[in-house]
Amino acid sequence: MLKPLKNIVKAVLESTRRRRNEQQIRRSSRLVTRAELVRDLARMGIARGDTLFVHSSLKSLGYVDGGAAAVVGALQDAVGPEGTLLVPTYYLPAGTVKAACEMEGYVFDPNRHGTNMGRLPETFLTQAATHRSVHPTHSVSAWGKHAQYLTEGHHQAPSIFGEGSPWQRFVGLENAKVLGLGVSMGPVTFYHVVEDALGDAFPEPVWDERTYRIPCLDRDGQRWEVPVRPFVRAVAGRRIDYPEREDLRMYFREEFERAGLRVNGKVGDAQAWFIPARAFFDHLRDLAAEGITVYSTAEQLTARPLSSGTASKLVVGGQQAA
């Protein structure tokens, strides 16, 4: 009795919070149109046929005419029918991977469970996504040419980010890019691909020793036992996405800019960036070989100088990218 009531109260509070945010953005921001977003994406180097893994902050874009649906539409317009969009639509009912693994009776069901990753992922999942991977903690949704290929085998992958996962397949696609809209280099799940790829060779003991098998249902109701290893809590507590790790976020931004891999731009009112997926993976792997990861301490960062380059090697629209 209490649980349904709590859920109702939580939903009402969340709805109220969103309305207030929208009103504040509307009062303080100019109107941003879908067509403007498409132009901005093209200007920074997003092209038709690209495959994008999108991390976003909707409010950072400004007051968008049409809201989240218009942003999704702009992304679709930018990559076209030959392109693909991937969006994190994770469902973490207990807040963390470890807590989800330890939840009694939890069965992930894509027909019933949405996402708690924000307004744009919610909109993408309900209005645009044609495929969603079956995974109890890191379900990914996709639209476009490669949507089925990227999502279809996740529940059979040996690990969250390993062989057969959306991330591992994404890295191998031509014109694949990780795109950040109004977000720093903190909340980027792509980092974990290298952790899975390197395994024991990764400098940090990232994964819990225990592998949980969490039941999931696919779209047809077939039951699968999906393997999940949570992050080691002590290590995860100093990761790049934690609020106090601004030093690590700034280090990674400058490192990828100096290496000529990060392209910066502006989309709507948001600061935006992208990094080609293959180059992102390769440079993360090279950094790990030098002991630098998204878990590195301030002392480790100080001991390893940033790359010596000062400008992007990537060419966008006939000009060197900023």
Protein backbone atom coordinates (compact mmCIF):
# COMPACT_ATOMS: atom_id res chain seq x y z
CA MET A 1 0.00 0.00 0.00
CA LEU A 2 2.77 2.44 0.98
CA LYS A 3 4.98 1.69 -2.03
CA PRO A 4 2.37 2.66 -4.70
CA LEU A 5 1.59 5.82 -2.72
CA LYS A 6 5.28 6.74 -2.53
CA ASN A 7 5.60 6.22 -6.28
CA ILE A 8 2.63 8.51 -6.94
CA VAL A 9 4.06 11.23 -4.68
CA LYS A 10 7.46 10.87 -6.34
CA ALA A 11 5.91 11.20 -9.81
CA VAL A 12 3.95 14.31 -8.80
CA LEU A 13 7.04 15.96 -7.30
CA GLU A 14 9.09 15.15 -10.41
CA SER A 15 6.40 16.57 -12.68
CA THR A 16 6.26 19.76 -10.60
CA ARG A 17 10.04 20.11 -10.69
CA ARG A 18 10.09 19.76 -14.47
CA ARG A 19 7.35 22.33 -14.97
CA ARG A 20 9.27 24.82 -12.84
CA ASN A 21 12.47 24.15 -14.79
CA GLU A 22 10.65 24.64 -18.09
CA GLN A 23 9.13 27.91 -16.89
CA GLN A 24 12.53 29.15 -15.72
CA ILE A 25 14.18 28.24 -19.03
CA ARG A 26 11.34 29.88 -20.97
CA ARG A 27 11.73 33.13 -19.01
CA SER A 28 15.51 33.27 -19.25
CA SER A 29 16.24 31.85 -22.71
CA ARG A 30 15.57 32.75 -26.33
CA LEU A 31 13.53 30.40 -28.50
CA VAL A 32 15.62 27.67 -30.14
CA THR A 33 14.12 25.92 -33.17
CA ARG A 34 14.58 22.42 -34.54
CA ALA A 35 16.03 23.84 -37.77
CA GLU A 36 18.60 25.82 -35.78
CA LEU A 37 19.68 22.69 -33.92
CA VAL A 38 20.18 20.85 -37.22
CA ARG A 39 22.30 23.71 -38.57
CA ASP A 40 24.39 23.84 -35.40
CA LEU A 41 25.02 20.09 -35.47
CA ALA A 42 26.12 20.27 -39.11
CA ARG A 43 28.34 23.26 -38.40
CA MET A 44 30.27 21.36 -35.74
CA GLY A 45 30.77 18.34 -37.99
CA ILE A 46 27.83 16.01 -37.45
CA ALA A 47 27.02 14.57 -40.87
CA ARG A 48 24.40 12.44 -42.56
CA GLY A 49 25.24 8.78 -42.16
CA ASP A 50 26.90 9.27 -38.76
CA THR A 51 26.20 6.93 -35.86
CA LEU A 52 25.91 8.98 -32.67
CA PHE A 53 25.94 7.89 -29.03
CA VAL A 54 24.25 10.89 -27.43
CA HIS A 55 24.74 12.16 -23.88
CA SER A 56 22.66 15.25 -23.23
CA SER A 57 21.34 17.91 -20.88
CA LEU A 58 18.05 19.12 -22.34
CA LYS A 59 17.87 22.33 -20.30
CA SER A 60 21.34 23.37 -21.49
CA LEU A 61 20.04 23.69 -25.05
CA GLY A 62 17.79 26.59 -24.06
CA TYR A 63 14.06 26.92 -24.58
CA VAL A 64 13.55 24.56 -27.53
CA ASP A 65 10.35 25.02 -29.49
CA GLY A 66 8.77 21.57 -29.30
CA GLY A 67 10.84 20.40 -26.33
CA ALA A 68 12.61 17.07 -26.18
CA ALA A 69 10.72 15.74 -29.21
CA ALA A 70 12.14 18.56 -31.34
CA VAL A 71 15.67 17.78 -30.15
CA VAL A 72 15.24 14.12 -31.05
CA GLY A 73 13.86 15.17 -34.42
CA ALA A 74 16.84 17.46 -35.01
CA LEU A 75 19.26 14.63 -34.27
CA GLN A 76 17.38 12.40 -36.70
CA ASP A 77 17.47 15.12 -39.35
CA ALA A 78 21.20 15.63 -38.79
CA VAL A 79 22.19 12.00 -39.42
CA GLY A 80 19.45 11.19 -41.93
CA PRO A 81 17.95 7.80 -42.82
CA GLU A 82 21.39 6.23 -43.29
CA GLY A 83 22.49 7.37 -39.85
CA THR A 84 21.90 5.90 -36.39
CA LEU A 85 21.20 7.32 -32.94
CA LEU A 86 22.02 5.58 -29.67
CA VAL A 87 20.74 6.93 -26.36
CA PRO A 88 21.32 5.59 -22.83
CA THR A 89 17.92 4.49 -21.50
CA TYR A 90 19.21 2.78 -18.38
CA TYR A 91 16.78 1.67 -15.72
CA LEU A 92 18.27 1.58 -12.23
CA PRO A 93 15.38 1.06 -9.81
CA ALA A 94 17.64 1.13 -6.78
CA GLY A 95 19.97 3.89 -7.92
CA THR A 96 23.19 1.91 -8.49
CA VAL A 97 24.29 -1.20 -10.35
CA LYS A 98 25.18 -2.96 -7.10
CA ALA A 99 21.81 -2.15 -5.52
CA ALA A 100 19.97 -3.38 -8.62
CA CYS A 101 21.92 -6.64 -8.46
CA GLU A 102 20.89 -7.13 -4.85
CA MET A 103 17.20 -6.26 -5.30
CA GLU A 104 14.95 -9.13 -4.39
CA GLY A 105 12.53 -10.09 -7.14
CA TYR A 106 13.81 -7.60 -9.73
CA VAL A 107 13.10 -8.69 -13.31
CA PHE A 108 13.83 -6.16 -16.06
CA ASP A 109 11.02 -5.92 -18.61
CA PRO A 110 11.45 -3.51 -21.56
CA ASN A 111 7.70 -3.56 -22.10
CA ARG A 112 7.13 -2.20 -18.61
CA HIS A 113 10.26 -0.39 -17.46
CA GLY A 114 11.14 3.06 -18.76
CA THR A 115 14.29 5.00 -18.00
CA ASN A 116 15.43 7.40 -15.30
CA MET A 117 18.11 9.09 -17.44
CA GLY A 118 16.23 12.33 -18.09
CA ARG A 119 13.69 13.92 -20.38
CA LEU A 120 15.46 13.44 -23.71
CA PRO A 121 16.14 9.70 -23.18
CA GLU A 122 12.53 9.26 -22.01
CA THR A 123 11.23 10.97 -25.14
CA PHE A 124 13.58 9.05 -27.40
CA LEU A 125 12.52 5.76 -25.85
CA THR A 126 8.79 6.39 -26.20
CA GLN A 127 8.66 8.33 -29.47
CA ALA A 128 11.66 7.48 -31.62
CA ALA A 129 13.52 4.33 -30.62
CA THR A 130 12.93 1.33 -32.85
CA HIS A 131 15.04 -1.08 -30.80
CA ARG A 132 16.04 -1.38 -27.15
CA SER A 133 18.66 -3.67 -25.73
CA VAL A 134 17.58 -6.11 -23.03
CA HIS A 135 19.74 -5.39 -20.01
CA PRO A 136 18.83 -4.94 -16.32
CA THR A 137 21.15 -1.98 -15.63
CA HIS A 138 22.43 -0.56 -18.95
CA SER A 139 19.65 -0.86 -21.51
CA VAL A 140 20.38 1.22 -24.63
CA SER A 141 17.85 2.40 -27.22
CA ALA A 142 18.53 3.04 -30.88
CA TRP A 143 16.99 4.47 -34.04
CA GLY A 144 18.21 4.23 -37.61
CA LYS A 145 20.20 2.03 -39.95
CA HIS A 146 22.20 0.08 -37.35
CA ALA A 147 19.61 0.12 -34.53
CA GLN A 148 18.91 -3.60 -34.53
CA TYR A 149 22.54 -4.63 -34.92
CA LEU A 150 23.66 -2.45 -32.02
CA THR A 151 21.02 -3.61 -29.54
CA GLU A 152 20.02 -7.16 -30.41
CA GLY A 153 22.62 -9.20 -28.53
CA HIS A 154 23.16 -7.25 -25.33
CA HIS A 155 21.44 -9.77 -23.06
CA GLN A 156 23.76 -12.49 -24.39
CA ALA A 157 26.97 -10.49 -23.97
CA PRO A 158 29.34 -11.84 -21.28
CA SER A 159 29.60 -8.39 -19.67
CA ILE A 160 27.88 -5.00 -19.76
CA PHE A 161 30.33 -3.35 -22.16
CA GLY A 162 32.09 -6.38 -23.66
CA GLU A 163 31.88 -8.45 -26.81
CA GLY A 164 28.42 -8.23 -28.36
CA SER A 165 27.36 -5.19 -26.30
CA PRO A 166 26.07 -1.99 -27.96
CA TRP A 167 29.32 -0.18 -27.07
CA GLN A 168 31.63 -2.83 -28.50
CA ARG A 169 29.64 -2.90 -31.75
CA PHE A 170 29.43 0.89 -31.84
CA VAL A 171 33.22 1.24 -31.77
CA GLY A 172 33.52 -0.88 -34.89
CA LEU A 173 31.15 1.20 -37.03
CA GLU A 174 32.37 3.73 -39.57
CA ASN A 175 31.54 7.36 -38.71
CA ALA A 176 30.66 6.51 -35.10
CA LYS A 177 30.91 9.49 -32.74
CA VAL A 178 30.28 10.09 -29.05
CA LEU A 179 28.30 13.34 -28.83
CA GLY A 180 27.91 15.49 -25.73
CA LEU A 181 25.19 18.15 -25.67
CA GLY A 182 25.51 20.43 -22.67
CA VAL A 183 27.45 17.86 -20.65
CA SER A 184 31.05 17.63 -19.52
CA MET A 185 33.29 14.63 -20.10
CA GLY A 186 32.08 13.20 -16.80
CA PRO A 187 28.81 11.33 -17.47
CA VAL A 188 30.11 9.33 -20.45
CA THR A 189 29.54 5.58 -20.28
CA PHE A 190 31.87 4.95 -23.22
CA TYR A 191 34.89 4.91 -20.87
CA HIS A 192 33.91 1.48 -19.59
CA VAL A 193 34.40 -0.17 -23.01
CA VAL A 194 38.15 0.00 -22.48
CA GLU A 195 37.84 -1.47 -19.00
CA ASP A 196 36.07 -4.53 -20.40
CA ALA A 197 38.40 -4.78 -23.39
CA LEU A 198 41.59 -4.71 -21.30
CA GLY A 199 40.28 -6.94 -18.51
CA ASP A 200 43.02 -7.70 -15.99
CA ALA A 201 45.42 -5.42 -17.89
CA PHE A 202 43.36 -2.37 -16.91
CA PRO A 203 45.28 -0.41 -14.23
CA GLU A 204 42.41 -0.30 -11.72
CA PRO A 205 40.41 -3.18 -10.16
CA VAL A 206 37.13 -1.80 -11.46
CA TRP A 207 34.81 -4.79 -11.28
CA ASP A 208 33.41 -6.62 -8.28
CA GLU A 209 34.62 -10.21 -7.98
CA ARG A 210 31.08 -11.55 -7.99
CA THR A 211 29.00 -11.87 -11.15
CA TYR A 212 25.26 -11.61 -10.57
CA ARG A 213 22.76 -13.14 -12.96
CA ILE A 214 19.72 -10.89 -13.17
CA PRO A 215 16.53 -12.12 -14.84
CA CYS A 216 15.22 -10.13 -17.80
CA LEU A 217 12.34 -10.51 -20.21
CA ASP A 218 12.68 -9.70 -23.89
CA ARG A 219 9.92 -8.10 -25.98
CA ASP A 220 8.35 -11.51 -26.56
CA GLY A 221 8.33 -12.39 -22.87
CA GLN A 222 11.18 -14.91 -23.05
CA ARG A 223 13.24 -14.99 -19.86
CA TRP A 224 17.02 -14.52 -19.87
CA GLU A 225 19.59 -14.59 -17.08
CA VAL A 226 21.91 -11.66 -17.80
CA PRO A 227 25.39 -11.47 -16.20
CA VAL A 228 26.26 -8.24 -14.38
CA ARG A 229 29.38 -7.40 -12.38
CA PRO A 230 28.93 -4.23 -10.31
CA PHE A 231 31.64 -1.61 -9.98
CA VAL A 232 33.94 -1.78 -6.96
CA ARG A 233 32.51 0.91 -4.72
CA ALA A 234 35.83 2.23 -3.40
CA VAL A 235 37.21 2.72 -6.91
CA ALA A 236 33.97 4.07 -8.41
CA GLY A 237 33.86 6.72 -5.68
CA ARG A 238 36.73 8.64 -7.31
CA ARG A 239 35.49 8.30 -10.89
CA ILE A 240 35.34 11.18 -13.36
CA ASP A 241 31.56 11.65 -13.06
CA TYR A 242 31.61 12.31 -9.32
CA PRO A 243 31.04 16.01 -8.44
CA GLU A 244 34.34 16.45 -6.63
CA ARG A 245 36.39 15.22 -9.62
CA GLU A 246 36.38 18.44 -11.62
CA ASP A 247 40.16 18.05 -11.89
CA LEU A 248 39.73 14.77 -13.75
CA ARG A 249 37.04 16.15 -16.04
CA MET A 250 39.20 19.13 -16.99
CA TYR A 251 42.25 16.91 -17.50
CA PHE A 252 40.39 14.62 -19.90
CA ARG A 253 38.89 17.54 -21.80
CA GLU A 254 42.26 19.19 -22.30
CA GLU A 255 43.97 15.89 -23.04
CA PHE A 256 41.57 15.00 -25.84
CA GLU A 257 41.69 18.54 -27.21
CA ARG A 258 45.48 18.56 -27.25
CA ALA A 259 45.50 15.13 -28.87
CA GLY A 260 43.36 16.63 -31.64
CA LEU A 261 40.43 14.30 -31.01
CA ARG A 262 37.74 16.41 -29.37
CA VAL A 263 35.73 18.76 -31.59
CA ASN A 264 33.89 21.57 -29.80
CA GLY A 265 30.85 23.49 -30.95
CA LYS A 266 27.62 25.08 -29.83
CA VAL A 267 24.18 23.56 -30.34
CA GLY A 268 21.33 25.84 -29.38
CA ASP A 269 22.55 27.49 -26.18
CA ALA A 270 24.57 24.43 -25.13
CA GLN A 271 28.29 23.85 -25.34
CA ALA A 272 28.71 20.66 -27.35
CA TRP A 273 31.50 18.30 -28.31
CA PHE A 274 32.13 15.04 -30.11
CA ILE A 275 34.95 12.51 -30.35
CA PRO A 276 35.13 9.82 -33.06
CA ALA A 277 34.49 6.51 -31.31
CA ARG A 278 37.47 4.54 -32.64
CA ALA A 279 39.89 7.33 -31.83
CA PHE A 280 38.26 7.74 -28.41
CA PHE A 281 38.75 4.05 -27.65
CA ASP A 282 42.33 3.97 -28.91
CA HIS A 283 43.38 7.01 -26.90
CA LEU A 284 41.71 5.72 -23.73
CA ARG A 285 43.60 2.46 -24.20
CA ASP A 286 46.88 4.33 -24.70
CA LEU A 287 46.25 6.44 -21.61
CA ALA A 288 45.50 3.31 -19.57
CA ALA A 289 48.88 1.91 -20.66
CA GLU A 290 50.41 5.01 -19.04
CA GLY A 291 48.35 4.51 -15.89
CA ILE A 292 45.82 7.27 -16.62
CA THR A 293 42.14 6.34 -16.33
CA VAL A 294 38.85 7.95 -15.34
CA TYR A 295 39.70 6.88 -11.78
CA SER A 296 43.17 8.48 -11.57
CA THR A 297 44.10 10.47 -8.48
CA ALA A 298 45.24 14.08 -8.61
CA GLU A 299 48.79 12.88 -7.97
CA GLN A 300 48.66 10.52 -10.94
CA LEU A 301 47.40 13.30 -13.20
CA THR A 302 50.21 15.60 -12.10
CA ALA A 303 52.80 12.91 -12.81
CA ARG A 304 51.70 12.46 -16.44
CA PRO A 305 51.94 15.62 -18.60
CA LEU A 306 49.17 16.38 -21.04
CA SER A 307 49.70 15.63 -24.71
CA SER A 308 51.80 18.28 -26.45
CA GLY A 309 49.43 19.06 -29.34
CA THR A 310 47.45 22.29 -29.22
CA ALA A 311 44.88 22.00 -32.03
CA SER A 312 42.45 19.52 -33.47
CA LYS A 313 43.64 17.22 -36.25
CA LEU A 314 40.07 16.75 -37.44
CA VAL A 315 38.80 18.73 -40.39
CA VAL A 316 35.21 19.98 -40.34
CA GLY A 317 33.66 21.76 -43.30
CA GLY A 318 37.04 22.45 -44.89
CA GLN A 319 38.40 24.12 -41.75
CA GLN A 320 40.33 22.81 -38.78
CA ALA A 321 37.93 22.13 -35.92
CA ALA A 322 38.07 24.30 -32.84
